[in-house]
Each structure stands twice: as C-alpha cells, then as structure tokens.
Amino acid sequence: MSPSEPTSGTPVRTLEQRLEALRRANEIRSQRARLKKDLKNGAIRIEQILADPPEFIKTAKVIDVLMAVPNCGKVKSTKALNHCRISPNKTVGGLSERQRRELVSFFQA
C-alpha cells in the first residue's frame, strides 16, 4: 500500500458525488425544519407523522420530532419515550408498530 492510498474503508467519492450528497442532506434538513415548524404551529399533528412518516423524517430521532410538538419539551418527550419503552436513540423509521401505537395513544390522551 502506498502512502497516497486511503487506509480506511471509506469509499472514494468524486466531487459530483460529494456535492450531490451535500445537496440531498441540505434538502432533508430543510424538509425536517418545515415539518417541525408545521408541528409547532399545529398545521400537522404528531399522530399523522407517526402513522405514515415521510421518507425524510424516517432517519430523524423520535425525541427530536417529539420536542417540536407544542407543550412537549425535553421532559415530556423523555417521559413519552420511557412510557412507551422506546430508546432515546430510536429513529422514526425504526419504530415498531407497537411503539407507534403507544406513542399515538400517549399524545391523544
């Protein structure tokens, strides 16, 4: 192996590939920000997101999405996760059907 070869298992990407990945990441961040704003102002409900999450929110942590719900800060979000037996590191796309149902019922109560 020569000194100019990468030593890690990271794939080598072209400039176009890196720019495309950056563009996609920025678009996802923008979509998430709009969704959180809509949650905050009541244009969409958390139950709708949990029932059928859009593709761009599936990789977001559940706690981050819950904290965008009105009157739901860190304490209430953590309480919801504990009540529904969900790890704080769980993503929206990684929720099981049981976890989705329990979260929906937690916020409907």
C-alpha atoms as a PDB file:
ATOM      1  CA  MET A   1       0.000   0.000   0.000  1.00  0.00           C
ATOM      2  CA  SER A   2       1.462   3.335  -0.994  1.00  0.00           C
ATOM      3  CA  PRO A   3       1.258   6.412   1.269  1.00  0.00           C
ATOM      4  CA  SER A   4      -1.212   8.105  -1.096  1.00  0.00           C
ATOM      5  CA  GLU A   5      -3.806   5.309  -0.773  1.00  0.00           C
ATOM      6  CA  PRO A   6      -6.518   5.740   1.866  1.00  0.00           C
ATOM      7  CA  THR A   7      -6.075   3.424   4.840  1.00  0.00           C
ATOM      8  CA  SER A   8      -9.688   3.419   5.967  1.00  0.00           C
ATOM      9  CA  GLY A   9     -12.566   1.516   4.405  1.00  0.00           C
ATOM     10  CA  THR A  10     -14.181   4.792   3.370  1.00  0.00           C
ATOM     11  CA  PRO A  11     -15.108   4.778  -0.307  1.00  0.00           C
ATOM     12  CA  VAL A  12     -13.526   7.407  -2.513  1.00  0.00           C
ATOM     13  CA  ARG A  13     -16.151   9.768  -3.928  1.00  0.00           C
ATOM     14  CA  THR A  14     -15.945  12.133  -6.829  1.00  0.00           C
ATOM     15  CA  LEU A  15     -16.608  15.832  -6.392  1.00  0.00           C
ATOM     16  CA  GLU A  16     -20.006  15.420  -8.082  1.00  0.00           C
ATOM     17  CA  GLN A  17     -20.955  12.605  -5.707  1.00  0.00           C
ATOM     18  CA  ARG A  18     -19.958  14.669  -2.673  1.00  0.00           C
ATOM     19  CA  LEU A  19     -21.887  17.692  -3.928  1.00  0.00           C
ATOM     20  CA  GLU A  20     -24.956  15.558  -4.631  1.00  0.00           C
ATOM     21  CA  ALA A  21     -24.797  14.051  -1.123  1.00  0.00           C
ATOM     22  CA  LEU A  22     -24.486  17.537   0.348  1.00  0.00           C
ATOM     23  CA  ARG A  23     -27.456  18.762  -1.717  1.00  0.00           C
ATOM     24  CA  ARG A  24     -29.591  15.809  -0.540  1.00  0.00           C
ATOM     25  CA  ALA A  25     -28.575  16.350   3.095  1.00  0.00           C
ATOM     26  CA  ASN A  26     -29.473  20.051   2.887  1.00  0.00           C
ATOM     27  CA  GLU A  27     -32.852  19.235   1.313  1.00  0.00           C
ATOM     28  CA  ILE A  28     -33.619  16.722   4.074  1.00  0.00           C
ATOM     29  CA  ARG A  29     -32.689  19.283   6.750  1.00  0.00           C
ATOM     30  CA  SER A  30     -34.951  21.859   5.111  1.00  0.00           C
ATOM     31  CA  GLN A  31     -37.862  19.424   4.885  1.00  0.00           C
ATOM     32  CA  ARG A  32     -37.411  18.423   8.539  1.00  0.00           C
ATOM     33  CA  ALA A  33     -37.316  22.068   9.602  1.00  0.00           C
ATOM     34  CA  ARG A  34     -40.575  22.756   7.712  1.00  0.00           C
ATOM     35  CA  LEU A  35     -42.209  19.694   9.283  1.00  0.00           C
ATOM     36  CA  LYS A  36     -41.127  20.731  12.787  1.00  0.00           C
ATOM     37  CA  LYS A  37     -42.436  24.261  12.152  1.00  0.00           C
ATOM     38  CA  ASP A  38     -45.774  22.790  10.992  1.00  0.00           C
ATOM     39  CA  LEU A  39     -45.881  20.651  14.150  1.00  0.00           C
ATOM     40  CA  LYS A  40     -45.122  23.657  16.330  1.00  0.00           C
ATOM     41  CA  ASN A  41     -47.878  25.810  14.810  1.00  0.00           C
ATOM     42  CA  GLY A  42     -50.450  22.999  14.701  1.00  0.00           C
ATOM     43  CA  ALA A  43     -50.683  22.608  10.907  1.00  0.00           C
ATOM     44  CA  ILE A  44     -49.906  18.906  11.300  1.00  0.00           C
ATOM     45  CA  ARG A  45     -50.289  16.546  14.239  1.00  0.00           C
ATOM     46  CA  ILE A  46     -47.696  14.119  15.602  1.00  0.00           C
ATOM     47  CA  GLU A  47     -50.193  11.268  15.151  1.00  0.00           C
ATOM     48  CA  GLN A  48     -50.187  11.865  11.379  1.00  0.00           C
ATOM     49  CA  ILE A  49     -46.402  11.756  11.204  1.00  0.00           C
ATOM     50  CA  LEU A  50     -46.128   8.618  13.309  1.00  0.00           C
ATOM     51  CA  ALA A  51     -48.866   6.812  11.378  1.00  0.00           C
ATOM     52  CA  ASP A  52     -47.286   7.451   7.975  1.00  0.00           C
ATOM     53  CA  PRO A  53     -43.858   9.094   8.286  1.00  0.00           C
ATOM     54  CA  PRO A  54     -42.499  10.858   5.206  1.00  0.00           C
ATOM     55  CA  GLU A  55     -39.234   9.403   3.885  1.00  0.00           C
ATOM     56  CA  PHE A  56     -37.157  12.418   5.004  1.00  0.00           C
ATOM     57  CA  ILE A  57     -38.187  12.060   8.651  1.00  0.00           C
ATOM     58  CA  LYS A  58     -37.555   8.318   8.969  1.00  0.00           C
ATOM     59  CA  THR A  59     -33.882   8.804   9.863  1.00  0.00           C
ATOM     60  CA  ALA A  60     -34.607  11.520  12.457  1.00  0.00           C
ATOM     61  CA  LYS A  61     -34.540  10.633  16.148  1.00  0.00           C
ATOM     62  CA  VAL A  62     -38.002  10.308  17.651  1.00  0.00           C
ATOM     63  CA  ILE A  63     -37.136  12.582  20.575  1.00  0.00           C
ATOM     64  CA  ASP A  64     -36.165  15.406  18.187  1.00  0.00           C
ATOM     65  CA  VAL A  65     -39.526  15.160  16.428  1.00  0.00           C
ATOM     66  CA  LEU A  66     -41.451  14.955  19.726  1.00  0.00           C
ATOM     67  CA  MET A  67     -39.769  18.092  21.020  1.00  0.00           C
ATOM     68  CA  ALA A  68     -41.315  20.027  18.104  1.00  0.00           C
ATOM     69  CA  VAL A  69     -44.806  19.190  19.388  1.00  0.00           C
ATOM     70  CA  PRO A  70     -46.426  22.144  21.209  1.00  0.00           C
ATOM     71  CA  ASN A  71     -46.084  21.908  25.006  1.00  0.00           C
ATOM     72  CA  CYS A  72     -43.686  18.972  24.655  1.00  0.00           C
ATOM     73  CA  GLY A  73     -40.174  19.784  25.731  1.00  0.00           C
ATOM     74  CA  LYS A  74     -37.327  17.527  26.784  1.00  0.00           C
ATOM     75  CA  VAL A  75     -39.035  16.306  29.968  1.00  0.00           C
ATOM     76  CA  LYS A  76     -42.358  15.355  28.373  1.00  0.00           C
ATOM     77  CA  SER A  77     -40.612  13.842  25.329  1.00  0.00           C
ATOM     78  CA  THR A  78     -38.421  11.698  27.580  1.00  0.00           C
ATOM     79  CA  LYS A  79     -41.460  10.713  29.645  1.00  0.00           C
ATOM     80  CA  ALA A  80     -43.291   9.636  26.458  1.00  0.00           C
ATOM     81  CA  LEU A  81     -40.332   7.541  25.323  1.00  0.00           C
ATOM     82  CA  ASN A  82     -39.980   5.894  28.738  1.00  0.00           C
ATOM     83  CA  HIS A  83     -43.732   5.234  28.960  1.00  0.00           C
ATOM     84  CA  CYS A  84     -43.703   3.583  25.505  1.00  0.00           C
ATOM     85  CA  ARG A  85     -40.424   1.721  26.177  1.00  0.00           C
ATOM     86  CA  ILE A  86     -38.556   3.436  23.348  1.00  0.00           C
ATOM     87  CA  SER A  87     -34.811   4.100  23.341  1.00  0.00           C
ATOM     88  CA  PRO A  88     -33.857   7.793  23.145  1.00  0.00           C
ATOM     89  CA  ASN A  89     -31.672   6.892  20.152  1.00  0.00           C
ATOM     90  CA  LYS A  90     -34.518   5.306  18.164  1.00  0.00           C
ATOM     91  CA  THR A  91     -35.319   6.800  14.770  1.00  0.00           C
ATOM     92  CA  VAL A  92     -38.846   7.382  13.479  1.00  0.00           C
ATOM     93  CA  GLY A  93     -38.327   4.764  10.776  1.00  0.00           C
ATOM     94  CA  GLY A  94     -37.058   2.262  13.360  1.00  0.00           C
ATOM     95  CA  LEU A  95     -40.234   2.310  15.467  1.00  0.00           C
ATOM     96  CA  SER A  96     -42.218  -0.907  15.677  1.00  0.00           C
ATOM     97  CA  GLU A  97     -45.984  -0.885  15.147  1.00  0.00           C
ATOM     98  CA  ARG A  98     -46.490  -1.321  18.899  1.00  0.00           C
ATOM     99  CA  GLN A  99     -44.261   1.664  19.650  1.00  0.00           C
ATOM    100  CA  ARG A 100     -46.093   3.795  17.067  1.00  0.00           C
ATOM    101  CA  ARG A 101     -49.494   2.878  18.537  1.00  0.00           C
ATOM    102  CA  GLU A 102     -48.340   3.603  22.093  1.00  0.00           C
ATOM    103  CA  LEU A 103     -46.881   6.979  21.143  1.00  0.00           C
ATOM    104  CA  VAL A 104     -50.051   7.944  19.268  1.00  0.00           C
ATOM    105  CA  SER A 105     -52.210   6.986  22.266  1.00  0.00           C
ATOM    106  CA  PHE A 106     -49.851   8.861  24.625  1.00  0.00           C
ATOM    107  CA  PHE A 107     -50.398  12.088  22.687  1.00  0.00           C
ATOM    108  CA  GLN A 108     -54.129  11.551  22.195  1.00  0.00           C
ATOM    109  CA  ALA A 109     -54.687  11.139  25.945  1.00  0.00           C
END
